[in-house]
N, C-alpha and C. Protein backbone atom coordinates (compact mmCIF):
# COMPACT_ATOMS: atom_id res chain seq x y z
N MET A 1 -14.36 -103.95 28.29
CA MET A 1 -14.57 -104.69 29.40
C MET A 1 -14.75 -103.53 30.46
N THR A 2 -15.62 -103.48 31.63
CA THR A 2 -15.76 -102.31 32.45
C THR A 2 -14.55 -101.96 33.21
N THR A 3 -14.51 -100.60 33.48
CA THR A 3 -13.42 -100.35 34.05
C THR A 3 -13.51 -100.18 35.69
N VAL A 4 -14.64 -100.80 36.18
CA VAL A 4 -14.74 -100.80 37.60
C VAL A 4 -14.29 -102.19 38.12
N PRO A 5 -13.27 -102.34 38.93
CA PRO A 5 -12.72 -103.61 39.26
C PRO A 5 -13.59 -104.30 40.09
N LEU A 6 -13.52 -105.67 40.13
CA LEU A 6 -14.30 -106.13 41.08
C LEU A 6 -13.65 -106.45 42.63
N MET A 7 -14.52 -106.67 43.40
CA MET A 7 -13.73 -106.59 44.78
C MET A 7 -13.23 -108.03 45.20
N PRO A 8 -12.06 -108.27 45.68
CA PRO A 8 -11.61 -109.24 45.98
C PRO A 8 -12.38 -110.51 46.91
N VAL A 9 -12.64 -111.65 46.59
CA VAL A 9 -13.59 -112.49 47.28
C VAL A 9 -12.74 -113.06 48.55
N ASP A 10 -13.60 -113.10 49.41
CA ASP A 10 -13.03 -113.69 50.83
C ASP A 10 -13.78 -114.95 51.10
N PRO A 11 -13.52 -116.30 50.80
CA PRO A 11 -14.41 -117.12 50.85
C PRO A 11 -14.94 -117.67 52.19
N HIS A 12 -14.32 -117.50 53.22
CA HIS A 12 -14.80 -117.61 54.53
C HIS A 12 -15.08 -119.35 54.64
N GLY A 13 -13.98 -120.19 54.37
CA GLY A 13 -14.04 -121.55 54.43
C GLY A 13 -15.08 -122.14 53.39
N THR A 14 -15.77 -121.35 52.50
CA THR A 14 -16.40 -122.15 51.43
C THR A 14 -15.47 -122.45 50.27
N VAL A 15 -15.96 -123.19 49.20
CA VAL A 15 -15.25 -123.48 48.14
C VAL A 15 -14.86 -122.19 47.39
N LEU A 16 -13.62 -122.01 46.96
CA LEU A 16 -13.31 -120.81 46.49
C LEU A 16 -14.08 -120.71 44.92
N GLY A 17 -14.10 -121.87 44.22
CA GLY A 17 -14.56 -121.55 42.82
C GLY A 17 -16.15 -121.18 42.98
N ASP A 18 -17.02 -121.56 44.06
CA ASP A 18 -18.19 -121.22 44.23
C ASP A 18 -18.38 -119.80 44.52
N GLU A 19 -17.51 -119.22 45.27
CA GLU A 19 -17.42 -117.90 45.81
C GLU A 19 -16.87 -116.92 44.48
N VAL A 20 -16.09 -117.40 43.54
CA VAL A 20 -15.67 -116.69 42.33
C VAL A 20 -16.89 -116.83 41.30
N TYR A 21 -17.39 -117.95 41.24
CA TYR A 21 -18.79 -117.72 40.29
C TYR A 21 -19.90 -116.98 40.96
N ARG A 22 -20.02 -116.95 42.07
CA ARG A 22 -21.05 -115.97 42.47
C ARG A 22 -20.79 -114.35 42.50
N ALA A 23 -19.34 -114.22 42.52
CA ALA A 23 -18.85 -112.84 42.43
C ALA A 23 -19.09 -112.40 40.96
N ILE A 24 -18.57 -113.27 40.03
CA ILE A 24 -18.60 -112.79 38.57
C ILE A 24 -20.07 -112.67 38.09
N GLY A 25 -20.90 -113.81 38.64
CA GLY A 25 -22.37 -113.89 38.28
C GLY A 25 -22.94 -112.65 39.01
N ALA A 26 -22.86 -112.29 40.13
CA ALA A 26 -23.35 -110.80 40.71
C ALA A 26 -23.00 -109.64 39.98
N ALA A 27 -21.62 -109.54 39.47
CA ALA A 27 -21.23 -108.46 38.66
C ALA A 27 -21.94 -108.45 37.49
N ILE A 28 -22.30 -109.29 36.67
CA ILE A 28 -23.20 -109.36 35.62
C ILE A 28 -24.58 -109.12 35.97
N LEU A 29 -25.11 -109.68 37.05
CA LEU A 29 -26.59 -109.37 37.37
C LEU A 29 -26.64 -107.80 37.55
N HIS A 30 -25.81 -107.19 38.28
CA HIS A 30 -25.97 -105.80 38.60
C HIS A 30 -25.41 -104.81 37.51
N GLY A 31 -24.95 -105.42 36.45
CA GLY A 31 -24.56 -104.56 35.51
C GLY A 31 -23.25 -103.88 35.55
N HIS A 32 -22.21 -104.29 36.42
CA HIS A 32 -20.99 -103.88 36.58
C HIS A 32 -20.13 -104.46 35.43
N LEU A 33 -20.56 -105.92 35.12
CA LEU A 33 -19.92 -106.36 33.61
C LEU A 33 -21.16 -106.26 32.81
N GLU A 34 -21.18 -105.48 31.72
CA GLU A 34 -22.27 -105.21 31.00
C GLU A 34 -22.78 -106.25 29.91
N PRO A 35 -23.81 -106.42 29.21
CA PRO A 35 -23.84 -107.37 28.13
C PRO A 35 -22.85 -107.00 27.08
N GLY A 36 -22.36 -107.95 26.40
CA GLY A 36 -21.31 -107.73 25.58
C GLY A 36 -19.85 -107.73 25.90
N ALA A 37 -19.79 -107.21 27.48
CA ALA A 37 -18.32 -106.98 27.86
C ALA A 37 -17.44 -108.16 27.59
N HIS A 38 -16.12 -108.02 27.19
CA HIS A 38 -15.45 -109.13 27.07
C HIS A 38 -14.77 -109.44 28.45
N LEU A 39 -14.54 -110.80 28.54
CA LEU A 39 -13.92 -111.19 29.98
C LEU A 39 -12.61 -111.78 29.77
N ARG A 40 -11.83 -111.34 30.36
CA ARG A 40 -10.52 -111.65 30.37
C ARG A 40 -9.93 -112.29 31.76
N ASP A 41 -9.67 -113.66 31.55
CA ASP A 41 -9.52 -114.39 32.99
C ASP A 41 -8.51 -113.73 33.80
N HIS A 42 -7.33 -113.13 33.18
CA HIS A 42 -6.32 -112.58 33.99
C HIS A 42 -6.70 -111.40 34.66
N GLU A 43 -7.55 -110.57 34.11
CA GLU A 43 -8.14 -109.29 34.60
C GLU A 43 -9.06 -109.66 35.75
N LEU A 44 -9.78 -110.85 35.58
CA LEU A 44 -10.90 -111.10 36.72
C LEU A 44 -10.11 -111.68 37.72
N ALA A 45 -9.08 -112.27 37.42
CA ALA A 45 -8.37 -113.06 38.50
C ALA A 45 -7.63 -111.90 39.50
N LYS A 46 -6.94 -110.85 38.54
CA LYS A 46 -6.34 -109.88 39.40
C LYS A 46 -7.30 -109.06 40.31
N TRP A 47 -8.50 -108.76 39.60
CA TRP A 47 -9.54 -107.87 40.64
C TRP A 47 -9.85 -108.84 41.99
N LEU A 48 -10.10 -109.98 41.71
CA LEU A 48 -10.69 -110.78 42.52
C LEU A 48 -9.63 -111.61 43.64
N GLY A 49 -8.50 -111.36 43.21
CA GLY A 49 -7.19 -111.81 44.35
C GLY A 49 -7.14 -113.41 44.26
N VAL A 50 -7.35 -113.90 42.85
CA VAL A 50 -7.27 -115.36 43.02
C VAL A 50 -6.36 -115.76 41.91
N SER A 51 -6.10 -117.08 41.70
CA SER A 51 -5.51 -117.53 40.44
C SER A 51 -6.60 -117.53 39.32
N ARG A 52 -6.04 -118.00 38.20
CA ARG A 52 -6.79 -117.87 36.90
C ARG A 52 -7.76 -119.06 36.86
N THR A 53 -7.09 -120.22 37.69
CA THR A 53 -8.03 -121.49 37.53
C THR A 53 -9.42 -121.47 37.90
N PRO A 54 -9.81 -120.71 39.36
CA PRO A 54 -11.17 -120.69 39.63
C PRO A 54 -12.01 -119.80 38.71
N VAL A 55 -11.18 -118.92 38.03
CA VAL A 55 -12.05 -117.87 37.26
C VAL A 55 -12.33 -118.70 35.81
N ARG A 56 -11.31 -119.48 35.50
CA ARG A 56 -11.77 -120.27 34.16
C ARG A 56 -12.90 -121.23 34.64
N GLU A 57 -13.02 -121.73 35.65
CA GLU A 57 -14.08 -122.89 36.21
C GLU A 57 -15.47 -122.06 36.16
N ALA A 58 -15.32 -121.11 36.90
CA ALA A 58 -16.57 -120.17 36.94
C ALA A 58 -17.02 -119.76 35.71
N LEU A 59 -16.30 -119.22 34.85
CA LEU A 59 -16.75 -118.84 33.47
C LEU A 59 -17.21 -119.82 32.76
N GLN A 60 -16.74 -121.19 32.93
CA GLN A 60 -17.38 -122.31 32.25
C GLN A 60 -18.67 -122.75 32.84
N ARG A 61 -18.98 -122.59 34.04
CA ARG A 61 -20.12 -122.72 34.77
C ARG A 61 -21.12 -121.59 34.12
N LEU A 62 -20.84 -120.28 34.29
CA LEU A 62 -21.49 -119.18 33.58
C LEU A 62 -21.98 -119.35 32.10
N GLU A 63 -21.24 -119.99 31.48
CA GLU A 63 -21.53 -120.42 29.92
C GLU A 63 -22.45 -121.42 29.90
N ARG A 64 -22.36 -122.35 30.88
CA ARG A 64 -23.57 -123.36 30.88
C ARG A 64 -24.90 -122.71 31.36
N THR A 65 -25.15 -121.65 31.89
CA THR A 65 -26.17 -121.04 32.22
C THR A 65 -26.70 -119.98 31.23
N GLY A 66 -25.84 -119.67 30.46
CA GLY A 66 -25.94 -118.71 29.57
C GLY A 66 -25.76 -117.27 29.76
N LEU A 67 -25.09 -117.11 30.73
CA LEU A 67 -24.62 -115.79 31.05
C LEU A 67 -23.41 -115.31 30.37
N VAL A 68 -22.77 -116.33 30.07
CA VAL A 68 -21.44 -116.23 29.13
C VAL A 68 -21.47 -116.83 27.86
N GLU A 69 -20.89 -116.24 26.92
CA GLU A 69 -20.78 -117.12 25.52
C GLU A 69 -19.37 -116.85 25.22
N VAL A 70 -19.02 -118.01 24.52
CA VAL A 70 -17.55 -118.22 24.27
C VAL A 70 -17.35 -118.64 22.66
N ALA A 71 -16.72 -117.76 22.17
CA ALA A 71 -16.39 -118.30 20.66
C ALA A 71 -14.80 -118.69 20.67
N PRO A 72 -14.28 -119.95 20.49
CA PRO A 72 -12.89 -120.13 20.87
C PRO A 72 -12.04 -119.34 19.73
N ASN A 73 -10.96 -118.86 20.47
CA ASN A 73 -10.02 -118.16 19.95
C ASN A 73 -10.27 -116.83 19.48
N ARG A 74 -11.56 -116.55 19.62
CA ARG A 74 -12.19 -115.13 19.35
C ARG A 74 -12.49 -114.21 20.74
N TYR A 75 -13.32 -114.60 21.44
CA TYR A 75 -13.99 -113.96 22.69
C TYR A 75 -14.51 -114.97 23.70
N THR A 76 -14.55 -114.57 24.91
CA THR A 76 -15.41 -114.80 26.02
C THR A 76 -15.97 -113.59 26.47
N ARG A 77 -17.58 -113.28 26.44
CA ARG A 77 -18.06 -112.05 26.81
C ARG A 77 -19.39 -112.45 27.47
N VAL A 78 -19.87 -111.56 28.20
CA VAL A 78 -21.17 -111.52 28.58
C VAL A 78 -22.32 -111.53 27.61
N SER A 79 -22.96 -112.44 27.88
CA SER A 79 -24.20 -112.63 26.87
C SER A 79 -25.08 -111.57 26.83
N ILE A 80 -25.83 -111.27 25.68
CA ILE A 80 -26.54 -110.22 25.49
C ILE A 80 -27.89 -110.99 25.23
N PRO A 81 -28.89 -110.84 26.37
CA PRO A 81 -30.20 -111.27 26.13
C PRO A 81 -31.17 -110.51 25.28
N ASP A 82 -32.12 -111.16 24.63
CA ASP A 82 -32.98 -110.66 23.55
C ASP A 82 -34.52 -110.89 24.16
N ALA A 83 -35.50 -110.44 23.43
CA ALA A 83 -36.67 -110.61 23.92
C ALA A 83 -37.57 -111.98 23.86
N LYS A 84 -36.87 -112.79 22.97
CA LYS A 84 -37.13 -114.32 23.08
C LYS A 84 -36.67 -114.85 24.47
N LEU A 85 -35.39 -114.45 24.61
CA LEU A 85 -34.89 -115.22 25.77
C LEU A 85 -35.47 -114.91 27.05
N ILE A 86 -35.84 -113.51 27.23
CA ILE A 86 -36.72 -112.93 28.38
C ILE A 86 -37.93 -113.77 28.41
N ALA A 87 -38.67 -113.91 27.36
CA ALA A 87 -40.00 -114.79 27.27
C ALA A 87 -39.77 -116.26 27.76
N GLU A 88 -38.72 -116.65 26.96
CA GLU A 88 -38.50 -118.20 27.26
C GLU A 88 -38.25 -118.28 28.96
N THR A 89 -37.21 -117.39 29.50
CA THR A 89 -36.92 -117.39 31.04
C THR A 89 -38.16 -117.19 31.89
N HIS A 90 -39.15 -116.44 31.48
CA HIS A 90 -40.33 -116.01 32.39
C HIS A 90 -41.21 -117.54 32.27
N GLU A 91 -41.31 -117.97 31.20
CA GLU A 91 -42.16 -119.27 31.19
C GLU A 91 -41.64 -120.40 31.91
N PHE A 92 -40.02 -120.55 31.87
CA PHE A 92 -39.59 -121.46 32.65
C PHE A 92 -39.55 -121.36 34.18
N ALA A 93 -39.61 -120.03 34.42
CA ALA A 93 -39.43 -119.76 35.85
C ALA A 93 -40.91 -120.05 36.32
N VAL A 94 -41.89 -119.50 35.81
CA VAL A 94 -43.33 -119.79 36.32
C VAL A 94 -43.56 -121.34 36.43
N TYR A 95 -43.13 -122.10 35.40
CA TYR A 95 -43.59 -123.43 35.53
C TYR A 95 -42.63 -124.24 36.59
N ALA A 96 -41.32 -123.78 36.57
CA ALA A 96 -40.48 -124.32 37.87
C ALA A 96 -41.26 -123.92 39.14
N MET A 97 -41.57 -122.70 39.11
CA MET A 97 -42.31 -122.05 40.55
C MET A 97 -43.25 -122.90 40.91
N GLY A 98 -44.23 -123.22 39.85
CA GLY A 98 -45.36 -124.07 40.33
C GLY A 98 -45.21 -125.46 40.75
N ASN A 99 -44.02 -125.90 40.26
CA ASN A 99 -43.88 -127.23 40.71
C ASN A 99 -43.16 -127.17 42.16
N VAL A 100 -42.37 -126.03 42.42
CA VAL A 100 -41.82 -125.96 43.70
C VAL A 100 -42.72 -125.55 44.79
N VAL A 101 -43.85 -124.75 44.52
CA VAL A 101 -44.76 -124.51 45.27
C VAL A 101 -45.60 -125.74 45.65
N ARG A 102 -46.22 -126.60 44.51
CA ARG A 102 -46.54 -127.75 44.85
C ARG A 102 -46.07 -128.64 45.95
N ALA A 103 -44.62 -128.79 45.67
CA ALA A 103 -43.86 -129.66 46.58
C ALA A 103 -43.88 -128.86 48.00
N ALA A 104 -43.46 -127.62 47.97
CA ALA A 104 -43.21 -127.06 49.12
C ALA A 104 -44.48 -127.09 50.26
N LEU A 105 -45.76 -126.78 49.67
CA LEU A 105 -46.93 -126.56 50.34
C LEU A 105 -47.46 -127.94 51.12
N GLY A 106 -46.67 -129.08 50.58
CA GLY A 106 -46.98 -130.30 51.44
C GLY A 106 -46.00 -130.48 52.38
N ARG A 107 -44.85 -129.86 52.42
CA ARG A 107 -43.92 -129.88 53.41
C ARG A 107 -43.28 -128.95 54.39
N CYS A 108 -43.83 -127.77 53.89
CA CYS A 108 -43.19 -126.63 54.72
C CYS A 108 -43.88 -126.58 56.02
N THR A 109 -42.94 -126.04 56.98
CA THR A 109 -43.40 -125.80 58.26
C THR A 109 -44.33 -124.45 58.56
N ASP A 110 -45.02 -124.29 59.45
CA ASP A 110 -45.77 -123.05 59.62
C ASP A 110 -45.03 -121.77 59.62
N ASP A 111 -43.69 -121.91 60.22
CA ASP A 111 -42.80 -120.67 60.12
C ASP A 111 -42.48 -120.44 58.69
N GLU A 112 -42.12 -121.51 58.01
CA GLU A 112 -41.70 -121.12 56.49
C GLU A 112 -42.85 -120.79 55.60
N LEU A 113 -44.00 -121.23 55.89
CA LEU A 113 -45.42 -120.76 55.20
C LEU A 113 -45.57 -119.12 55.58
N ALA A 114 -45.42 -118.81 56.83
CA ALA A 114 -45.46 -117.42 57.14
C ALA A 114 -44.56 -116.56 56.37
N GLU A 115 -43.24 -117.29 56.34
CA GLU A 115 -42.13 -116.25 55.59
C GLU A 115 -42.52 -116.30 54.16
N ALA A 116 -42.99 -117.36 53.60
CA ALA A 116 -43.45 -117.17 52.23
C ALA A 116 -44.66 -116.29 51.97
N LEU A 117 -45.52 -116.27 52.79
CA LEU A 117 -46.54 -115.43 52.83
C LEU A 117 -46.13 -113.97 52.71
N GLY A 118 -45.04 -113.62 53.52
CA GLY A 118 -44.52 -112.22 53.69
C GLY A 118 -43.98 -111.94 52.45
N HIS A 119 -43.25 -112.64 51.67
CA HIS A 119 -42.90 -112.48 50.36
C HIS A 119 -44.02 -112.16 49.21
N ILE A 120 -44.88 -113.03 49.53
CA ILE A 120 -46.22 -112.81 48.45
C ILE A 120 -46.69 -111.31 48.75
N ASP A 121 -47.03 -111.06 50.24
CA ASP A 121 -47.39 -109.73 50.55
C ASP A 121 -46.50 -108.45 49.67
N ALA A 122 -45.18 -108.89 49.77
CA ALA A 122 -44.10 -107.93 49.02
C ALA A 122 -44.58 -107.86 47.68
N VAL A 123 -44.80 -109.10 46.84
CA VAL A 123 -45.20 -108.91 45.42
C VAL A 123 -46.36 -108.09 45.33
N ILE A 124 -47.33 -108.45 46.11
CA ILE A 124 -48.52 -107.85 45.86
C ILE A 124 -48.40 -106.27 46.09
N GLU A 125 -47.58 -105.72 47.01
CA GLU A 125 -47.52 -104.29 47.14
C GLU A 125 -46.83 -103.79 45.92
N ALA A 126 -45.79 -104.54 45.41
CA ALA A 126 -45.30 -104.26 44.29
C ALA A 126 -46.00 -104.22 42.97
N SER A 127 -46.96 -105.22 43.05
CA SER A 127 -48.02 -105.20 41.95
C SER A 127 -48.86 -103.89 42.02
N ARG A 128 -49.16 -103.46 43.11
CA ARG A 128 -50.25 -102.33 43.17
C ARG A 128 -49.52 -100.96 42.74
N ALA A 129 -48.21 -101.10 43.06
CA ALA A 129 -47.46 -100.03 42.62
C ALA A 129 -47.05 -100.03 41.28
N ASP A 130 -47.31 -101.07 40.58
CA ASP A 130 -46.85 -101.27 39.16
C ASP A 130 -45.41 -101.26 39.07
N ASP A 131 -44.82 -101.72 40.19
CA ASP A 131 -43.10 -101.64 40.16
C ASP A 131 -42.71 -103.17 39.49
N HIS A 132 -42.46 -103.25 38.47
CA HIS A 132 -41.90 -104.47 37.69
C HIS A 132 -40.82 -104.95 38.24
N ALA A 133 -39.95 -104.22 38.73
CA ALA A 133 -38.62 -104.86 39.16
C ALA A 133 -38.81 -105.30 40.53
N GLY A 134 -39.68 -104.64 41.29
CA GLY A 134 -40.13 -105.10 42.77
C GLY A 134 -40.87 -106.32 42.55
N ILE A 135 -41.61 -106.65 41.69
CA ILE A 135 -42.35 -108.00 41.44
C ILE A 135 -41.26 -108.90 41.40
N VAL A 136 -40.27 -108.81 40.50
CA VAL A 136 -39.31 -109.71 40.18
C VAL A 136 -38.35 -109.92 41.34
N ARG A 137 -37.97 -108.99 42.17
CA ARG A 137 -37.17 -109.18 43.32
C ARG A 137 -37.85 -109.97 44.42
N SER A 138 -39.25 -109.53 44.77
CA SER A 138 -39.83 -110.11 45.76
C SER A 138 -40.31 -111.59 45.46
N SER A 139 -40.67 -111.93 44.00
CA SER A 139 -40.88 -113.29 43.39
C SER A 139 -39.48 -114.26 43.68
N ALA A 140 -38.42 -113.55 43.51
CA ALA A 140 -37.11 -114.33 43.57
C ALA A 140 -36.87 -114.82 44.99
N ASP A 141 -37.26 -113.72 46.08
CA ASP A 141 -37.04 -114.01 47.54
C ASP A 141 -38.31 -115.37 47.78
N LEU A 142 -39.40 -115.09 47.07
CA LEU A 142 -40.48 -116.23 47.45
C LEU A 142 -39.86 -117.39 47.05
N PHE A 143 -39.35 -117.47 45.84
CA PHE A 143 -38.73 -118.73 45.07
C PHE A 143 -37.64 -119.39 45.79
N GLU A 144 -36.86 -118.66 46.44
CA GLU A 144 -35.66 -119.13 47.25
C GLU A 144 -36.31 -119.84 48.43
N THR A 145 -37.21 -119.00 49.21
CA THR A 145 -37.88 -119.63 50.47
C THR A 145 -38.69 -121.10 50.08
N MET A 146 -39.36 -120.93 49.05
CA MET A 146 -40.41 -122.23 48.74
C MET A 146 -39.31 -123.33 48.17
N THR A 147 -38.27 -123.05 47.51
CA THR A 147 -37.42 -124.14 47.16
C THR A 147 -36.73 -124.82 48.31
N LYS A 148 -36.34 -124.02 49.34
CA LYS A 148 -35.74 -124.68 50.40
C LYS A 148 -36.72 -125.48 51.20
N ALA A 149 -38.03 -125.01 51.12
CA ALA A 149 -38.87 -125.82 51.96
C ALA A 149 -39.38 -127.25 51.11
N THR A 150 -38.71 -127.25 49.96
CA THR A 150 -39.20 -128.46 49.25
C THR A 150 -38.40 -129.68 49.85
N ARG A 151 -37.23 -129.34 50.50
CA ARG A 151 -36.34 -130.38 51.03
C ARG A 151 -35.73 -131.40 50.02
N ASN A 152 -35.75 -130.82 48.66
CA ASN A 152 -35.61 -131.66 47.69
C ASN A 152 -34.14 -131.20 47.13
N ARG A 153 -33.35 -132.00 47.29
CA ARG A 153 -31.68 -131.35 46.59
C ARG A 153 -31.57 -131.27 45.14
N ALA A 154 -32.50 -132.11 44.40
CA ALA A 154 -32.50 -131.82 42.94
C ALA A 154 -33.02 -130.56 42.75
N PHE A 155 -34.11 -129.89 43.35
CA PHE A 155 -34.68 -128.72 43.10
C PHE A 155 -33.45 -127.57 43.64
N LEU A 156 -32.97 -127.86 44.83
CA LEU A 156 -31.91 -126.89 45.38
C LEU A 156 -30.73 -126.53 44.33
N ARG A 157 -30.33 -128.01 43.97
CA ARG A 157 -29.06 -127.89 43.14
C ARG A 157 -29.19 -127.06 41.59
N LEU A 158 -30.64 -127.46 41.18
CA LEU A 158 -30.81 -126.69 39.93
C LEU A 158 -30.95 -125.20 39.90
N MET A 159 -31.66 -124.82 41.18
CA MET A 159 -31.96 -123.36 41.32
C MET A 159 -30.72 -122.69 41.69
N ASN A 160 -29.61 -123.22 42.38
CA ASN A 160 -28.47 -122.66 42.80
C ASN A 160 -27.65 -122.34 41.51
N GLU A 161 -27.96 -123.12 40.51
CA GLU A 161 -26.93 -122.83 39.25
C GLU A 161 -27.72 -121.90 38.49
N ALA A 162 -29.29 -121.92 38.37
CA ALA A 162 -30.08 -121.20 37.38
C ALA A 162 -30.50 -119.79 38.00
N GLU A 163 -30.36 -119.81 39.40
CA GLU A 163 -30.91 -118.26 39.92
C GLU A 163 -30.43 -117.18 39.14
N ILE A 164 -29.16 -116.95 39.27
CA ILE A 164 -28.61 -115.84 38.73
C ILE A 164 -28.98 -115.55 37.16
N ALA A 165 -28.82 -116.57 36.64
CA ALA A 165 -29.34 -116.40 34.88
C ALA A 165 -30.67 -115.95 34.75
N ILE A 166 -31.72 -116.60 35.77
CA ILE A 166 -32.98 -116.23 35.85
C ILE A 166 -33.15 -114.67 36.15
N LEU A 167 -32.63 -114.25 37.08
CA LEU A 167 -32.72 -112.70 37.45
C LEU A 167 -32.30 -111.88 36.50
N ARG A 168 -31.17 -112.10 35.86
CA ARG A 168 -30.42 -111.50 34.93
C ARG A 168 -31.30 -111.30 33.63
N ASN A 169 -31.88 -112.66 33.40
CA ASN A 169 -32.74 -112.38 32.16
C ASN A 169 -33.95 -111.82 32.21
N LEU A 170 -34.49 -111.86 33.51
CA LEU A 170 -35.64 -111.28 33.70
C LEU A 170 -35.62 -109.60 34.02
N ARG A 171 -34.66 -109.03 33.84
CA ARG A 171 -34.44 -107.62 34.51
C ARG A 171 -35.17 -106.94 33.30
N GLY A 172 -35.32 -107.23 32.14
CA GLY A 172 -36.25 -106.49 31.33
C GLY A 172 -37.71 -106.95 31.01
N TRP A 173 -37.97 -107.62 32.14
CA TRP A 173 -39.47 -108.30 32.07
C TRP A 173 -40.58 -107.25 32.17
N HIS A 174 -41.61 -107.57 31.45
CA HIS A 174 -42.77 -106.80 31.75
C HIS A 174 -43.87 -107.60 32.04
N PRO A 175 -44.87 -107.34 32.80
CA PRO A 175 -45.75 -108.38 33.25
C PRO A 175 -46.87 -108.39 32.06
N LEU A 176 -47.25 -109.82 31.79
CA LEU A 176 -48.20 -110.02 30.60
C LEU A 176 -49.63 -109.43 30.96
N MET A 177 -49.92 -109.63 32.19
CA MET A 177 -51.11 -109.01 32.78
C MET A 177 -50.80 -107.71 33.04
N GLU A 178 -51.11 -106.65 32.20
CA GLU A 178 -50.71 -105.06 32.45
C GLU A 178 -51.61 -104.50 33.38
N CYS A 179 -52.69 -104.55 33.69
CA CYS A 179 -53.55 -103.99 34.38
C CYS A 179 -53.13 -104.23 35.98
N PRO A 180 -52.69 -103.16 36.57
CA PRO A 180 -52.18 -103.33 38.00
C PRO A 180 -53.25 -103.98 38.92
N ILE A 181 -54.57 -103.46 38.89
CA ILE A 181 -55.75 -104.05 39.60
C ILE A 181 -55.97 -105.46 39.23
N ALA A 182 -56.08 -105.85 38.14
CA ALA A 182 -56.44 -107.26 37.79
C ALA A 182 -55.32 -108.15 38.25
N ARG A 183 -54.10 -107.72 38.10
CA ARG A 183 -52.65 -108.48 38.36
C ARG A 183 -52.84 -108.66 39.78
N THR A 184 -52.99 -107.50 40.36
CA THR A 184 -52.99 -107.72 42.05
C THR A 184 -54.14 -108.51 42.57
N GLU A 185 -55.32 -108.48 41.95
CA GLU A 185 -56.06 -109.51 42.53
C GLU A 185 -55.95 -110.96 42.21
N ALA A 186 -55.07 -111.09 41.08
CA ALA A 186 -54.85 -112.49 40.83
C ALA A 186 -53.69 -112.90 41.89
N TYR A 187 -52.77 -112.20 42.07
CA TYR A 187 -51.69 -112.13 43.24
C TYR A 187 -52.43 -112.54 44.52
N LEU A 188 -53.63 -111.89 44.93
CA LEU A 188 -54.32 -112.00 46.05
C LEU A 188 -54.90 -113.55 46.05
N ALA A 189 -55.37 -114.00 45.05
CA ALA A 189 -56.06 -115.33 44.76
C ALA A 189 -54.88 -116.24 45.10
N PHE A 190 -53.56 -116.01 44.66
CA PHE A 190 -52.60 -117.02 44.80
C PHE A 190 -52.20 -117.08 46.25
N ARG A 191 -52.10 -115.94 47.06
CA ARG A 191 -51.84 -115.72 48.35
C ARG A 191 -52.87 -116.60 49.16
N ASP A 192 -54.24 -116.50 48.80
CA ASP A 192 -55.26 -117.30 49.55
C ASP A 192 -54.82 -118.72 49.41
N ALA A 193 -54.44 -119.16 48.19
CA ALA A 193 -54.42 -120.64 47.99
C ALA A 193 -53.32 -120.83 48.74
N VAL A 194 -51.98 -120.28 48.75
CA VAL A 194 -50.89 -120.62 49.37
C VAL A 194 -51.12 -120.69 51.13
N ALA A 195 -51.89 -119.76 51.66
CA ALA A 195 -52.20 -119.83 52.95
C ALA A 195 -53.19 -120.90 53.23
N ALA A 196 -53.75 -121.45 52.41
CA ALA A 196 -54.67 -122.60 52.73
C ALA A 196 -53.97 -124.01 52.51
N ARG A 197 -52.89 -123.83 52.13
CA ARG A 197 -51.92 -125.08 51.55
C ARG A 197 -52.45 -125.72 50.45
N ASP A 198 -53.48 -125.30 49.57
CA ASP A 198 -54.06 -125.75 48.47
C ASP A 198 -53.11 -125.77 47.24
N ARG A 199 -52.58 -127.05 46.97
CA ARG A 199 -51.44 -127.07 46.12
C ARG A 199 -51.93 -126.75 44.76
N ASP A 200 -53.20 -127.51 44.38
CA ASP A 200 -53.77 -127.18 43.13
C ASP A 200 -54.16 -125.89 42.71
N ALA A 201 -54.83 -125.20 43.70
CA ALA A 201 -55.41 -123.95 43.47
C ALA A 201 -54.10 -122.90 43.40
N ALA A 202 -53.16 -123.03 44.20
CA ALA A 202 -51.80 -122.32 44.15
C ALA A 202 -51.07 -122.30 42.81
N GLU A 203 -50.99 -123.53 42.29
CA GLU A 203 -50.16 -123.71 41.23
C GLU A 203 -51.02 -123.10 40.08
N GLY A 204 -52.37 -123.29 40.15
CA GLY A 204 -53.18 -122.66 38.96
C GLY A 204 -53.15 -121.30 39.05
N ALA A 205 -53.23 -120.71 40.25
CA ALA A 205 -53.22 -119.07 40.43
C ALA A 205 -52.05 -118.62 39.85
N LEU A 206 -50.75 -119.08 40.29
CA LEU A 206 -49.60 -119.00 39.77
C LEU A 206 -49.51 -118.60 38.31
N ARG A 207 -50.08 -119.76 37.49
CA ARG A 207 -49.82 -119.63 36.27
C ARG A 207 -50.99 -118.61 35.47
N ALA A 208 -52.06 -118.62 36.47
CA ALA A 208 -53.03 -117.46 35.96
C ALA A 208 -52.59 -116.15 35.82
N VAL A 209 -51.90 -115.87 37.03
CA VAL A 209 -51.32 -114.32 37.16
C VAL A 209 -50.16 -114.00 36.19
N HIS A 210 -49.54 -114.91 35.32
CA HIS A 210 -48.52 -115.08 34.39
C HIS A 210 -49.17 -115.30 33.03
N SER A 211 -50.41 -115.43 32.83
CA SER A 211 -50.89 -115.83 31.58
C SER A 211 -50.41 -116.94 31.13
N LEU A 212 -50.28 -118.14 31.93
CA LEU A 212 -49.79 -119.29 31.45
C LEU A 212 -50.86 -120.34 31.81
N ALA A 213 -51.92 -120.03 32.22
CA ALA A 213 -52.87 -121.08 32.64
C ALA A 213 -53.30 -122.00 31.61
């Protein structure tokens, strides 16, 4: 297990279990708890300044999202993503984002649309620079903005649970469209469709840029 202790949580009136879940999830996402690291509830509880109960609940939630794996009476550890999981997560994220974009474009305000376009611009700049990690980060910001704009509680709940796992699993992702010029042109087409609130074109362009058309 990592020798870097986690910072104590300060829930600020939120549900403690959610705060513990986010703290452990963030530690996994940022590599403070590395793939394969054994997780001991008493150590995590001590570092976070909480009892073992919310830690156990958080580990159960993280197991459901695939970030933690448990072998009864043997170990609880951070899962180790493989190439197949990365590809499957990418496919899921693209199709989910397509549905979110379709719903959001019919409901978002002009301000929300402007915010989304700003995130797409950041994706485009990262693509031009062939910055794969930047594409993932800016895409995550876009996904969050568009998911909120759907006004759909089912989407919001699903992505609240899945977001950390998606980001962790895509940490080693490489674009299927390798040419930065062609990929950036595809993102520009996606931006034009979003700006026009053209749901069919936006969903199609998003799938095309990820080679899932």
